[in-house]
C-alpha atoms as a PDB file:
ATOM      1  CA  MET A   1     -26.981 -17.251 -52.607  1.00  0.00           C
ATOM      2  CA  VAL A   2     -29.120 -14.124 -52.337  1.00  0.00           C
ATOM      3  CA  ALA A   3     -32.279 -15.935 -53.467  1.00  0.00           C
ATOM      4  CA  VAL A   4     -31.617 -18.713 -50.967  1.00  0.00           C
ATOM      5  CA  PHE A   5     -31.079 -16.157 -48.209  1.00  0.00           C
ATOM      6  CA  LYS A   6     -34.408 -14.467 -48.961  1.00  0.00           C
ATOM      7  CA  GLU A   7     -36.172 -17.818 -48.985  1.00  0.00           C
ATOM      8  CA  ARG A   8     -34.675 -18.721 -45.611  1.00  0.00           C
ATOM      9  CA  LEU A   9     -36.009 -15.475 -44.165  1.00  0.00           C
ATOM     10  CA  ARG A  10     -39.449 -16.061 -45.695  1.00  0.00           C
ATOM     11  CA  GLU A  11     -39.533 -19.525 -44.167  1.00  0.00           C
ATOM     12  CA  ILE A  12     -39.172 -17.968 -40.716  1.00  0.00           C
ATOM     13  CA  ASP A  13     -41.759 -15.297 -41.438  1.00  0.00           C
ATOM     14  CA  PRO A  14     -42.689 -13.666 -44.779  1.00  0.00           C
ATOM     15  CA  MET A  15     -42.429 -10.259 -43.086  1.00  0.00           C
ATOM     16  CA  TYR A  16     -38.710 -10.715 -42.367  1.00  0.00           C
ATOM     17  CA  VAL A  17     -37.775  -9.602 -45.871  1.00  0.00           C
ATOM     18  CA  THR A  18     -39.589  -6.267 -45.450  1.00  0.00           C
ATOM     19  CA  PHE A  19     -38.868  -3.002 -43.658  1.00  0.00           C
ATOM     20  CA  GLU A  20     -40.734  -2.899 -40.338  1.00  0.00           C
ATOM     21  CA  GLY A  21     -40.393   0.766 -39.361  1.00  0.00           C
ATOM     22  CA  LEU A  22     -37.776   3.427 -38.723  1.00  0.00           C
ATOM     23  CA  GLN A  23     -36.148   3.197 -35.291  1.00  0.00           C
ATOM     24  CA  THR A  24     -32.550   4.144 -36.145  1.00  0.00           C
ATOM     25  CA  LEU A  25     -31.208   6.659 -38.639  1.00  0.00           C
ATOM     26  CA  GLN A  26     -27.584   5.828 -39.403  1.00  0.00           C
ATOM     27  CA  VAL A  27     -25.754   8.781 -40.919  1.00  0.00           C
ATOM     28  CA  ASN A  28     -22.464   8.165 -42.734  1.00  0.00           C
ATOM     29  CA  LEU A  29     -20.582  11.475 -42.782  1.00  0.00           C
ATOM     30  CA  GLY A  30     -18.084  10.321 -45.402  1.00  0.00           C
ATOM     31  CA  ASN A  31     -15.000   8.217 -46.060  1.00  0.00           C
ATOM     32  CA  ILE A  32     -12.288  10.496 -44.698  1.00  0.00           C
ATOM     33  CA  CYS A  33     -10.339   8.920 -41.817  1.00  0.00           C
ATOM     34  CA  ASN A  34      -7.024   9.331 -40.030  1.00  0.00           C
ATOM     35  CA  GLN A  35      -6.460   5.572 -40.369  1.00  0.00           C
ATOM     36  CA  THR A  36      -6.373   3.096 -43.252  1.00  0.00           C
ATOM     37  CA  CYS A  37      -7.596  -0.150 -41.688  1.00  0.00           C
ATOM     38  CA  ALA A  38      -7.097  -3.455 -43.488  1.00  0.00           C
ATOM     39  CA  HIS A  39     -10.697  -4.577 -42.864  1.00  0.00           C
ATOM     40  CA  CYS A  40     -12.519  -1.298 -43.607  1.00  0.00           C
ATOM     41  CA  HIS A  41     -15.670  -1.955 -45.637  1.00  0.00           C
ATOM     42  CA  VAL A  42     -16.030   1.702 -46.701  1.00  0.00           C
ATOM     43  CA  ASN A  43     -12.389   1.981 -47.854  1.00  0.00           C
ATOM     44  CA  ALA A  44     -11.846   5.040 -45.641  1.00  0.00           C
ATOM     45  CA  SER A  45      -8.477   6.805 -45.481  1.00  0.00           C
ATOM     46  CA  PRO A  46      -6.900  10.263 -45.075  1.00  0.00           C
ATOM     47  CA  ALA A  47      -7.472  10.689 -48.822  1.00  0.00           C
ATOM     48  CA  GLY A  48     -11.242  10.199 -48.527  1.00  0.00           C
ATOM     49  CA  ASP A  49     -13.144  12.819 -50.494  1.00  0.00           C
ATOM     50  CA  ARG A  50     -16.798  11.840 -49.982  1.00  0.00           C
ATOM     51  CA  ILE A  51     -17.808  14.273 -47.221  1.00  0.00           C
ATOM     52  CA  MET A  52     -21.382  15.126 -46.225  1.00  0.00           C
ATOM     53  CA  GLY A  53     -22.132  18.839 -46.400  1.00  0.00           C
ATOM     54  CA  PRO A  54     -24.459  21.156 -44.433  1.00  0.00           C
ATOM     55  CA  ALA A  55     -27.374  20.889 -46.891  1.00  0.00           C
ATOM     56  CA  VAL A  56     -27.875  17.155 -46.290  1.00  0.00           C
ATOM     57  CA  MET A  57     -27.268  17.588 -42.568  1.00  0.00           C
ATOM     58  CA  GLU A  58     -30.021  20.202 -42.325  1.00  0.00           C
ATOM     59  CA  LYS A  59     -32.475  17.710 -43.825  1.00  0.00           C
ATOM     60  CA  ILE A  60     -31.423  15.146 -41.221  1.00  0.00           C
ATOM     61  CA  VAL A  61     -31.930  17.683 -38.439  1.00  0.00           C
ATOM     62  CA  GLY A  62     -35.360  18.510 -39.836  1.00  0.00           C
ATOM     63  CA  LEU A  63     -36.423  14.874 -39.974  1.00  0.00           C
ATOM     64  CA  LEU A  64     -35.319  14.227 -36.380  1.00  0.00           C
ATOM     65  CA  THR A  65     -37.165  17.371 -35.278  1.00  0.00           C
ATOM     66  CA  ARG A  66     -40.394  16.144 -36.864  1.00  0.00           C
ATOM     67  CA  ARG A  67     -40.133  12.501 -35.781  1.00  0.00           C
ATOM     68  CA  ALA A  68     -39.443  12.022 -32.090  1.00  0.00           C
ATOM     69  CA  GLY A  69     -37.912   8.868 -30.672  1.00  0.00           C
ATOM     70  CA  ILE A  70     -35.502   7.955 -33.477  1.00  0.00           C
ATOM     71  CA  THR A  71     -31.963   6.921 -32.576  1.00  0.00           C
ATOM     72  CA  LEU A  72     -29.218   8.851 -34.398  1.00  0.00           C
ATOM     73  CA  ASP A  73     -26.196   6.698 -35.247  1.00  0.00           C
ATOM     74  CA  ILE A  74     -23.304   8.803 -36.592  1.00  0.00           C
ATOM     75  CA  THR A  75     -20.601   6.903 -38.435  1.00  0.00           C
ATOM     76  CA  GLY A  76     -17.894   7.236 -41.115  1.00  0.00           C
ATOM     77  CA  GLY A  77     -14.899   6.793 -41.938  1.00  0.00           C
ATOM     78  CA  CYS A  78     -13.959   8.904 -39.008  1.00  0.00           C
ATOM     79  CA  PRO A  79     -17.084  11.054 -38.535  1.00  0.00           C
ATOM     80  CA  GLU A  80     -15.286  13.561 -36.304  1.00  0.00           C
ATOM     81  CA  MET A  81     -13.112  14.599 -39.279  1.00  0.00           C
ATOM     82  CA  ASN A  82     -16.116  15.924 -41.170  1.00  0.00           C
ATOM     83  CA  PRO A  83     -15.804  19.734 -40.786  1.00  0.00           C
ATOM     84  CA  HIS A  84     -19.539  19.981 -39.992  1.00  0.00           C
ATOM     85  CA  PHE A  85     -19.603  17.159 -37.395  1.00  0.00           C
ATOM     86  CA  ARG A  86     -19.800  19.496 -34.432  1.00  0.00           C
ATOM     87  CA  ALA A  87     -22.686  21.496 -35.911  1.00  0.00           C
ATOM     88  CA  LEU A  88     -24.694  18.329 -36.666  1.00  0.00           C
ATOM     89  CA  VAL A  89     -24.305  17.065 -33.114  1.00  0.00           C
ATOM     90  CA  GLU A  90     -25.243  20.397 -31.570  1.00  0.00           C
ATOM     91  CA  LYS A  91     -28.311  20.846 -33.795  1.00  0.00           C
ATOM     92  CA  THR A  92     -29.687  17.365 -33.050  1.00  0.00           C
ATOM     93  CA  ARG A  93     -29.509  17.748 -29.274  1.00  0.00           C
ATOM     94  CA  GLY A  94     -33.003  17.244 -27.895  1.00  0.00           C
ATOM     95  CA  ASN A  95     -34.274  15.946 -31.258  1.00  0.00           C
ATOM     96  CA  SER A  96     -33.246  12.305 -30.849  1.00  0.00           C
ATOM     97  CA  SER A  97     -33.932   9.758 -28.120  1.00  0.00           C
ATOM     98  CA  ARG A  98     -30.382   8.408 -28.310  1.00  0.00           C
ATOM     99  CA  ARG A  99     -27.347   9.741 -30.171  1.00  0.00           C
ATOM    100  CA  MET A 100     -24.375   7.512 -30.881  1.00  0.00           C
ATOM    101  CA  VAL A 101     -21.012   8.308 -32.435  1.00  0.00           C
ATOM    102  CA  ARG A 102     -18.791   5.568 -33.841  1.00  0.00           C
ATOM    103  CA  SER A 103     -15.200   6.536 -33.085  1.00  0.00           C
ATOM    104  CA  ASN A 104     -11.882   4.915 -33.982  1.00  0.00           C
ATOM    105  CA  LEU A 105     -10.447   6.318 -30.695  1.00  0.00           C
ATOM    106  CA  THR A 106      -7.149   7.508 -32.191  1.00  0.00           C
ATOM    107  CA  ILE A 107      -8.796  10.633 -33.605  1.00  0.00           C
ATOM    108  CA  MET A 108      -8.847  11.961 -30.022  1.00  0.00           C
ATOM    109  CA  THR A 109      -5.041  11.836 -29.947  1.00  0.00           C
ATOM    110  CA  GLU A 110      -4.574  13.825 -33.143  1.00  0.00           C
ATOM    111  CA  PRO A 111      -3.254  17.408 -32.787  1.00  0.00           C
ATOM    112  CA  GLY A 112      -6.128  19.864 -32.613  1.00  0.00           C
ATOM    113  CA  MET A 113      -8.719  17.219 -31.664  1.00  0.00           C
ATOM    114  CA  GLU A 114      -8.214  17.324 -27.896  1.00  0.00           C
ATOM    115  CA  TRP A 115     -11.639  18.977 -27.511  1.00  0.00           C
ATOM    116  CA  LEU A 116     -13.503  15.824 -28.528  1.00  0.00           C
ATOM    117  CA  PRO A 117     -13.859  13.965 -25.170  1.00  0.00           C
ATOM    118  CA  GLY A 118     -15.246  17.043 -23.435  1.00  0.00           C
ATOM    119  CA  PHE A 119     -17.590  17.683 -26.363  1.00  0.00           C
ATOM    120  CA  TYR A 120     -18.848  14.085 -26.238  1.00  0.00           C
ATOM    121  CA  ARG A 121     -19.542  14.488 -22.524  1.00  0.00           C
ATOM    122  CA  ASP A 122     -21.260  17.860 -22.802  1.00  0.00           C
ATOM    123  CA  GLN A 123     -23.481  16.557 -25.604  1.00  0.00           C
ATOM    124  CA  GLU A 124     -24.197  13.319 -23.698  1.00  0.00           C
ATOM    125  CA  LEU A 125     -23.264  11.185 -26.672  1.00  0.00           C
ATOM    126  CA  VAL A 126     -23.013   7.414 -26.518  1.00  0.00           C
ATOM    127  CA  ILE A 127     -19.561   6.385 -27.741  1.00  0.00           C
ATOM    128  CA  ILE A 128     -19.147   3.196 -29.759  1.00  0.00           C
ATOM    129  CA  ALA A 129     -15.404   2.720 -30.141  1.00  0.00           C
ATOM    130  CA  SER A 130     -13.546   0.268 -32.342  1.00  0.00           C
ATOM    131  CA  LEU A 131     -11.006  -1.893 -30.515  1.00  0.00           C
ATOM    132  CA  PRO A 132     -10.758  -5.156 -32.479  1.00  0.00           C
ATOM    133  CA  CYS A 133      -8.761  -6.893 -29.746  1.00  0.00           C
ATOM    134  CA  TYR A 134      -7.307  -6.259 -26.281  1.00  0.00           C
ATOM    135  CA  GLN A 135      -3.928  -7.529 -27.491  1.00  0.00           C
ATOM    136  CA  GLU A 136      -1.579  -5.028 -29.110  1.00  0.00           C
ATOM    137  CA  GLU A 137      -0.253  -7.339 -31.832  1.00  0.00           C
ATOM    138  CA  ASN A 138      -3.705  -8.159 -33.186  1.00  0.00           C
ATOM    139  CA  VAL A 139      -4.852  -4.524 -33.220  1.00  0.00           C
ATOM    140  CA  GLU A 140      -1.736  -3.294 -35.006  1.00  0.00           C
ATOM    141  CA  ARG A 141      -1.937  -6.030 -37.612  1.00  0.00           C
ATOM    142  CA  GLN A 142      -5.413  -4.832 -38.527  1.00  0.00           C
ATOM    143  CA  ARG A 143      -5.161  -1.084 -37.926  1.00  0.00           C
ATOM    144  CA  GLY A 144      -1.506  -0.039 -38.088  1.00  0.00           C
ATOM    145  CA  THR A 145       1.569   0.580 -35.938  1.00  0.00           C
ATOM    146  CA  GLY A 146       0.976   2.663 -32.830  1.00  0.00           C
ATOM    147  CA  VAL A 147      -2.821   2.421 -33.005  1.00  0.00           C
ATOM    148  CA  PHE A 148      -3.161   0.238 -29.909  1.00  0.00           C
ATOM    149  CA  ALA A 149      -1.188   2.567 -27.611  1.00  0.00           C
ATOM    150  CA  ARG A 150      -3.122   5.592 -28.878  1.00  0.00           C
ATOM    151  CA  SER A 151      -6.418   3.742 -28.412  1.00  0.00           C
ATOM    152  CA  ILE A 152      -5.522   2.950 -24.803  1.00  0.00           C
ATOM    153  CA  GLU A 153      -4.622   6.603 -24.246  1.00  0.00           C
ATOM    154  CA  ALA A 154      -7.991   7.697 -25.659  1.00  0.00           C
ATOM    155  CA  LEU A 155      -9.910   5.184 -23.532  1.00  0.00           C
ATOM    156  CA  ARG A 156      -8.193   6.418 -20.375  1.00  0.00           C
ATOM    157  CA  THR A 157      -9.126   9.972 -21.325  1.00  0.00           C
ATOM    158  CA  LEU A 158     -12.755   8.972 -21.879  1.00  0.00           C
ATOM    159  CA  ASN A 159     -12.810   7.229 -18.492  1.00  0.00           C
ATOM    160  CA  GLY A 160     -11.582  10.494 -16.975  1.00  0.00           C
ATOM    161  CA  PHE A 161     -14.597  12.280 -18.474  1.00  0.00           C
ATOM    162  CA  GLY A 162     -17.030   9.766 -16.964  1.00  0.00           C
ATOM    163  CA  TYR A 163     -17.312   7.330 -19.873  1.00  0.00           C
ATOM    164  CA  GLY A 164     -17.512   3.697 -18.855  1.00  0.00           C
ATOM    165  CA  GLY A 165     -19.383   4.845 -15.747  1.00  0.00           C
ATOM    166  CA  THR A 166     -22.262   7.311 -15.822  1.00  0.00           C
ATOM    167  CA  LEU A 167     -21.713   7.916 -19.553  1.00  0.00           C
ATOM    168  CA  GLU A 168     -22.007   5.012 -21.977  1.00  0.00           C
ATOM    169  CA  LEU A 169     -18.855   3.690 -23.624  1.00  0.00           C
ATOM    170  CA  ASN A 170     -19.198   0.578 -25.773  1.00  0.00           C
ATOM    171  CA  LEU A 171     -16.374  -1.215 -27.572  1.00  0.00           C
ATOM    172  CA  VAL A 172     -16.518  -3.141 -30.845  1.00  0.00           C
ATOM    173  CA  TYR A 173     -14.747  -6.422 -31.524  1.00  0.00           C
ATOM    174  CA  ASN A 174     -14.372  -7.879 -34.994  1.00  0.00           C
ATOM    175  CA  PRO A 175     -12.116 -10.774 -36.012  1.00  0.00           C
ATOM    176  CA  SER A 176      -8.914 -10.028 -37.900  1.00  0.00           C
ATOM    177  CA  GLY A 177      -9.492 -12.838 -40.386  1.00  0.00           C
ATOM    178  CA  PRO A 178     -12.220 -14.956 -42.029  1.00  0.00           C
ATOM    179  CA  LEU A 179     -13.801 -15.997 -38.745  1.00  0.00           C
ATOM    180  CA  ILE A 180     -17.180 -15.682 -37.052  1.00  0.00           C
ATOM    181  CA  PRO A 181     -17.075 -13.941 -33.663  1.00  0.00           C
ATOM    182  CA  GLY A 182     -17.328 -16.149 -30.619  1.00  0.00           C
ATOM    183  CA  SER A 183     -19.721 -15.650 -27.722  1.00  0.00           C
ATOM    184  CA  GLN A 184     -20.291 -11.933 -27.163  1.00  0.00           C
ATOM    185  CA  ARG A 185     -20.856 -12.488 -23.439  1.00  0.00           C
ATOM    186  CA  GLU A 186     -17.608 -14.432 -23.014  1.00  0.00           C
ATOM    187  CA  LEU A 187     -15.599 -11.966 -25.092  1.00  0.00           C
ATOM    188  CA  GLU A 188     -16.997  -9.051 -23.101  1.00  0.00           C
ATOM    189  CA  GLU A 189     -15.908 -10.698 -19.853  1.00  0.00           C
ATOM    190  CA  ALA A 190     -12.412 -11.246 -21.258  1.00  0.00           C
ATOM    191  CA  TYR A 191     -12.169  -7.661 -22.541  1.00  0.00           C
ATOM    192  CA  LYS A 192     -13.299  -6.189 -19.229  1.00  0.00           C
ATOM    193  CA  THR A 193     -10.859  -8.308 -17.227  1.00  0.00           C
ATOM    194  CA  GLU A 194      -7.867  -7.668 -19.500  1.00  0.00           C
ATOM    195  CA  LEU A 195      -8.409  -3.936 -20.000  1.00  0.00           C
ATOM    196  CA  LEU A 196      -9.061  -3.286 -16.306  1.00  0.00           C
ATOM    197  CA  THR A 197      -6.167  -5.428 -15.074  1.00  0.00           C
ATOM    198  CA  ARG A 198      -3.591  -4.224 -17.582  1.00  0.00           C
ATOM    199  CA  TYR A 199      -4.618  -0.618 -18.161  1.00  0.00           C
ATOM    200  CA  GLY A 200      -7.232   0.362 -15.564  1.00  0.00           C
ATOM    201  CA  ILE A 201      -9.842   0.895 -18.296  1.00  0.00           C
ATOM    202  CA  ARG A 202     -13.579   0.444 -17.824  1.00  0.00           C
ATOM    203  CA  PHE A 203     -16.346   0.303 -20.433  1.00  0.00           C
ATOM    204  CA  ASN A 204     -20.019  -0.645 -20.489  1.00  0.00           C
ATOM    205  CA  ASN A 205     -20.664  -3.157 -23.283  1.00  0.00           C
ATOM    206  CA  LEU A 206     -18.786  -5.082 -25.962  1.00  0.00           C
ATOM    207  CA  TYR A 207     -20.374  -5.508 -29.393  1.00  0.00           C
ATOM    208  CA  THR A 208     -19.197  -8.379 -31.576  1.00  0.00           C
ATOM    209  CA  ILE A 209     -19.486  -7.718 -35.310  1.00  0.00           C
ATOM    210  CA  ALA A 210     -18.693 -10.113 -38.161  1.00  0.00           C
ATOM    211  CA  ASN A 211     -16.647  -8.682 -41.006  1.00  0.00           C
ATOM    212  CA  ALA A 212     -18.733  -8.219 -44.143  1.00  0.00           C
ATOM    213  CA  PRO A 213     -17.007  -9.670 -47.238  1.00  0.00           C
ATOM    214  CA  ILE A 214     -16.886  -6.311 -49.027  1.00  0.00           C
ATOM    215  CA  GLY A 215     -14.422  -3.454 -49.449  1.00  0.00           C
ATOM    216  CA  ARG A 216     -10.867  -4.016 -48.243  1.00  0.00           C
ATOM    217  CA  PHE A 217     -11.875  -7.163 -46.364  1.00  0.00           C
ATOM    218  CA  ARG A 218     -13.100  -8.747 -49.593  1.00  0.00           C
ATOM    219  CA  GLU A 219      -9.788  -7.788 -51.244  1.00  0.00           C
ATOM    220  CA  TYR A 220      -7.971  -9.466 -48.353  1.00  0.00           C
ATOM    221  CA  LEU A 221     -10.099 -12.622 -48.679  1.00  0.00           C
ATOM    222  CA  GLU A 222      -9.564 -12.818 -52.429  1.00  0.00           C
ATOM    223  CA  ALA A 223      -5.804 -12.362 -52.034  1.00  0.00           C
ATOM    224  CA  LYS A 224      -5.812 -15.289 -49.589  1.00  0.00           C
ATOM    225  CA  GLY A 225      -8.070 -17.399 -51.829  1.00  0.00           C
ATOM    226  CA  ALA A 226     -10.588 -17.473 -48.979  1.00  0.00           C
ATOM    227  CA  TYR A 227     -13.505 -15.437 -50.323  1.00  0.00           C
ATOM    228  CA  GLU A 228     -15.770 -18.295 -51.436  1.00  0.00           C
ATOM    229  CA  ARG A 229     -14.852 -20.328 -48.362  1.00  0.00           C
ATOM    230  CA  TYR A 230     -15.797 -17.450 -46.069  1.00  0.00           C
ATOM    231  CA  LEU A 231     -19.158 -16.979 -47.818  1.00  0.00           C
ATOM    232  CA  ALA A 232     -19.862 -20.689 -47.514  1.00  0.00           C
ATOM    233  CA  MET A 233     -19.016 -20.632 -43.808  1.00  0.00           C
ATOM    234  CA  LEU A 234     -21.367 -17.703 -43.197  1.00  0.00           C
ATOM    235  CA  ALA A 235     -24.173 -19.467 -45.082  1.00  0.00           C
ATOM    236  CA  THR A 236     -23.591 -22.738 -43.227  1.00  0.00           C
ATOM    237  CA  ARG A 237     -23.781 -20.961 -39.859  1.00  0.00           C
ATOM    238  CA  PHE A 238     -27.125 -19.273 -40.694  1.00  0.00           C
ATOM    239  CA  ASN A 239     -29.049 -18.790 -37.443  1.00  0.00           C
ATOM    240  CA  PRO A 240     -32.845 -18.270 -37.681  1.00  0.00           C
ATOM    241  CA  GLU A 241     -32.876 -16.716 -34.203  1.00  0.00           C
ATOM    242  CA  ALA A 242     -30.429 -14.030 -35.317  1.00  0.00           C
ATOM    243  CA  ALA A 243     -32.317 -13.531 -38.592  1.00  0.00           C
ATOM    244  CA  ARG A 244     -35.406 -12.464 -36.661  1.00  0.00           C
ATOM    245  CA  ASN A 245     -33.544  -9.375 -35.452  1.00  0.00           C
ATOM    246  CA  ILE A 246     -31.600  -8.155 -38.492  1.00  0.00           C
ATOM    247  CA  MET A 247     -30.961  -4.417 -38.157  1.00  0.00           C
ATOM    248  CA  CYS A 248     -32.103  -3.510 -41.686  1.00  0.00           C
ATOM    249  CA  ARG A 249     -35.741  -4.053 -40.657  1.00  0.00           C
ATOM    250  CA  THR A 250     -35.653  -0.979 -38.410  1.00  0.00           C
ATOM    251  CA  LEU A 251     -32.623   1.024 -39.617  1.00  0.00           C
ATOM    252  CA  VAL A 252     -32.018   3.248 -42.627  1.00  0.00           C
ATOM    253  CA  SER A 253     -28.530   4.382 -43.634  1.00  0.00           C
ATOM    254  CA  VAL A 254     -27.931   7.798 -45.258  1.00  0.00           C
ATOM    255  CA  ASP A 255     -24.822   8.464 -47.343  1.00  0.00           C
ATOM    256  CA  TRP A 256     -22.920  11.713 -47.805  1.00  0.00           C
ATOM    257  CA  LYS A 257     -25.149  12.780 -50.695  1.00  0.00           C
ATOM    258  CA  GLY A 258     -28.370  11.976 -48.838  1.00  0.00           C
ATOM    259  CA  PHE A 259     -29.184   8.711 -50.643  1.00  0.00           C
ATOM    260  CA  LEU A 260     -30.862   5.930 -48.631  1.00  0.00           C
ATOM    261  CA  TYR A 261     -29.760   2.342 -48.011  1.00  0.00           C
ATOM    262  CA  ASN A 262     -31.003  -0.548 -45.884  1.00  0.00           C
ATOM    263  CA  CYS A 263     -27.645  -0.644 -44.060  1.00  0.00           C
ATOM    264  CA  ASP A 264     -24.090   0.683 -44.111  1.00  0.00           C
ATOM    265  CA  PHE A 265     -22.886  -2.461 -45.887  1.00  0.00           C
ATOM    266  CA  ASN A 266     -25.320  -1.920 -48.755  1.00  0.00           C
ATOM    267  CA  GLN A 267     -24.145   1.682 -48.886  1.00  0.00           C
ATOM    268  CA  ALA A 268     -20.544   0.508 -49.231  1.00  0.00           C
ATOM    269  CA  ILE A 269     -21.339  -1.638 -52.284  1.00  0.00           C
ATOM    270  CA  GLY A 270     -23.710   0.872 -53.905  1.00  0.00           C
ATOM    271  CA  LEU A 271     -26.998  -1.004 -53.337  1.00  0.00           C
ATOM    272  CA  PRO A 272     -29.475   1.815 -52.559  1.00  0.00           C
ATOM    273  CA  ILE A 273     -33.159   1.752 -51.694  1.00  0.00           C
ATOM    274  CA  THR A 274     -35.175   2.417 -54.832  1.00  0.00           C
ATOM    275  CA  SER A 275     -38.809   3.139 -55.594  1.00  0.00           C
ATOM    276  CA  GLY A 276     -41.049   0.853 -57.617  1.00  0.00           C
ATOM    277  CA  SER A 277     -39.997   2.787 -60.714  1.00  0.00           C
ATOM    278  CA  GLY A 278     -36.302   2.299 -59.953  1.00  0.00           C
ATOM    279  CA  GLU A 279     -35.605   5.824 -58.677  1.00  0.00           C
ATOM    280  CA  ILE A 280     -32.991   6.016 -55.896  1.00  0.00           C
ATOM    281  CA  LEU A 281     -34.596   7.379 -52.731  1.00  0.00           C
ATOM    282  CA  LYS A 282     -33.081  10.310 -50.813  1.00  0.00           C
ATOM    283  CA  ILE A 283     -33.490  11.740 -47.328  1.00  0.00           C
ATOM    284  CA  ASP A 284     -36.412  13.841 -48.599  1.00  0.00           C
ATOM    285  CA  ASP A 285     -38.280  10.588 -49.373  1.00  0.00           C
ATOM    286  CA  LEU A 286     -37.608   8.859 -46.068  1.00  0.00           C
ATOM    287  CA  GLU A 287     -40.718   9.770 -44.095  1.00  0.00           C
ATOM    288  CA  GLU A 288     -43.020   8.457 -46.800  1.00  0.00           C
ATOM    289  CA  ALA A 289     -40.851   5.415 -47.523  1.00  0.00           C
ATOM    290  CA  ALA A 290     -40.701   4.499 -43.811  1.00  0.00           C
ATOM    291  CA  THR A 291     -44.423   3.722 -43.826  1.00  0.00           C
ATOM    292  CA  THR A 292     -44.569   1.506 -46.906  1.00  0.00           C
ATOM    293  CA  GLY A 293     -43.159  -1.803 -45.596  1.00  0.00           C
ATOM    294  CA  ALA A 294     -41.056  -2.114 -48.746  1.00  0.00           C
ATOM    295  CA  GLU A 295     -38.999  -5.239 -49.391  1.00  0.00           C
ATOM    296  CA  LEU A 296     -35.389  -5.135 -48.243  1.00  0.00           C
ATOM    297  CA  PHE A 297     -32.522  -4.966 -50.709  1.00  0.00           C
ATOM    298  CA  LEU A 298     -30.338  -7.969 -49.906  1.00  0.00           C
ATOM    299  CA  ALA A 299     -27.023  -9.347 -51.174  1.00  0.00           C
ATOM    300  CA  GLN A 300     -24.784 -12.278 -50.315  1.00  0.00           C
ATOM    301  CA  HIS A 301     -22.869 -10.297 -47.685  1.00  0.00           C
ATOM    302  CA  CYS A 302     -26.110 -10.279 -45.644  1.00  0.00           C
ATOM    303  CA  TYR A 303     -25.178 -13.746 -44.387  1.00  0.00           C
ATOM    304  CA  CYS A 304     -22.610 -12.082 -42.098  1.00  0.00           C
ATOM    305  CA  CYS A 305     -25.464 -10.644 -40.005  1.00  0.00           C
ATOM    306  CA  THR A 306     -27.180 -14.004 -39.459  1.00  0.00           C
ATOM    307  CA  ALA A 307     -24.198 -16.302 -38.859  1.00  0.00           C
ATOM    308  CA  GLY A 308     -23.534 -17.662 -35.378  1.00  0.00           C
ATOM    309  CA  GLU A 309     -24.907 -15.301 -32.725  1.00  0.00           C
ATOM    310  CA  GLY A 310     -25.673 -12.816 -35.486  1.00  0.00           C
ATOM    311  CA  SER A 311     -24.199  -9.398 -36.064  1.00  0.00           C
ATOM    312  CA  SER A 312     -25.511  -5.839 -36.156  1.00  0.00           C
ATOM    313  CA  CYS A 313     -24.219  -2.343 -35.493  1.00  0.00           C
ATOM    314  CA  THR A 314     -25.087  -2.948 -31.853  1.00  0.00           C
ATOM    315  CA  GLY A 315     -23.620  -6.426 -31.548  1.00  0.00           C
ATOM    316  CA  ALA A 316     -24.931  -9.964 -31.428  1.00  0.00           C
ATOM    317  CA  LEU A 317     -28.570 -10.625 -32.332  1.00  0.00           C
ATOM    318  CA  SER A 318     -29.208 -13.814 -30.362  1.00  0.00           C
END
């Protein structure tokens, strides 16, 4: 399937299997999280022990200082649980054109974390928050009992700090099962209507993201006997329009040790960017590697980004 995927991309344009240039640096601060979600592709949990330290963070700060205009995309697990999260955010202020934090929302309701919304505001961070559905039953099936109510509480708090208005608050939808997201525009309209009517909550954009068949979601698919069927569905729904805009052409993902990947999904399965001699590249190598136009490292899960309207860390691609 991987060879066929590469050939499909080459048929559109031979350049679509190569790295175009660094626009977004996605930094995964580790796999520690206050939740244990059924669909999590990085297998994050409260027991997570892969946590990025200050040494790697300093190299990230240095790179952003030298190269203006790069978007910083901070993710996890739950990135706010990294003990050095605050320092990283403060040190990158003014060094990045756009700084985003991917939050699970409930972290803001944990004891001792009440400072987060004000910190987000003061640092002018873009918040990308996971809310897989606007219906309580669906959220709790995927993320656990009580998560929906705590998420609503966090969203109301963010609204009170100006998010969803002058400050950017984006929500993320992903299906709870082996499905391809529907129309992002239609889902966004439904989310905005339901959340405003029921809870008085406002947000800016909804991003629809297809579940990658890796990590806990792959385990779920295999337990249901649906893994091969899901892969086949993704391949059948291949969309050339979405393929033109796959995020790995302009994004590099950095793991907690500083190793480089074409995306967070590749990071989750241990498929790093390597040199011609097979050496795994690290953050120290990124500036040179970003100019080479090297071929992307692809796997069968890549079909999830090109199925239907397409899927990226910032939503639909077509």
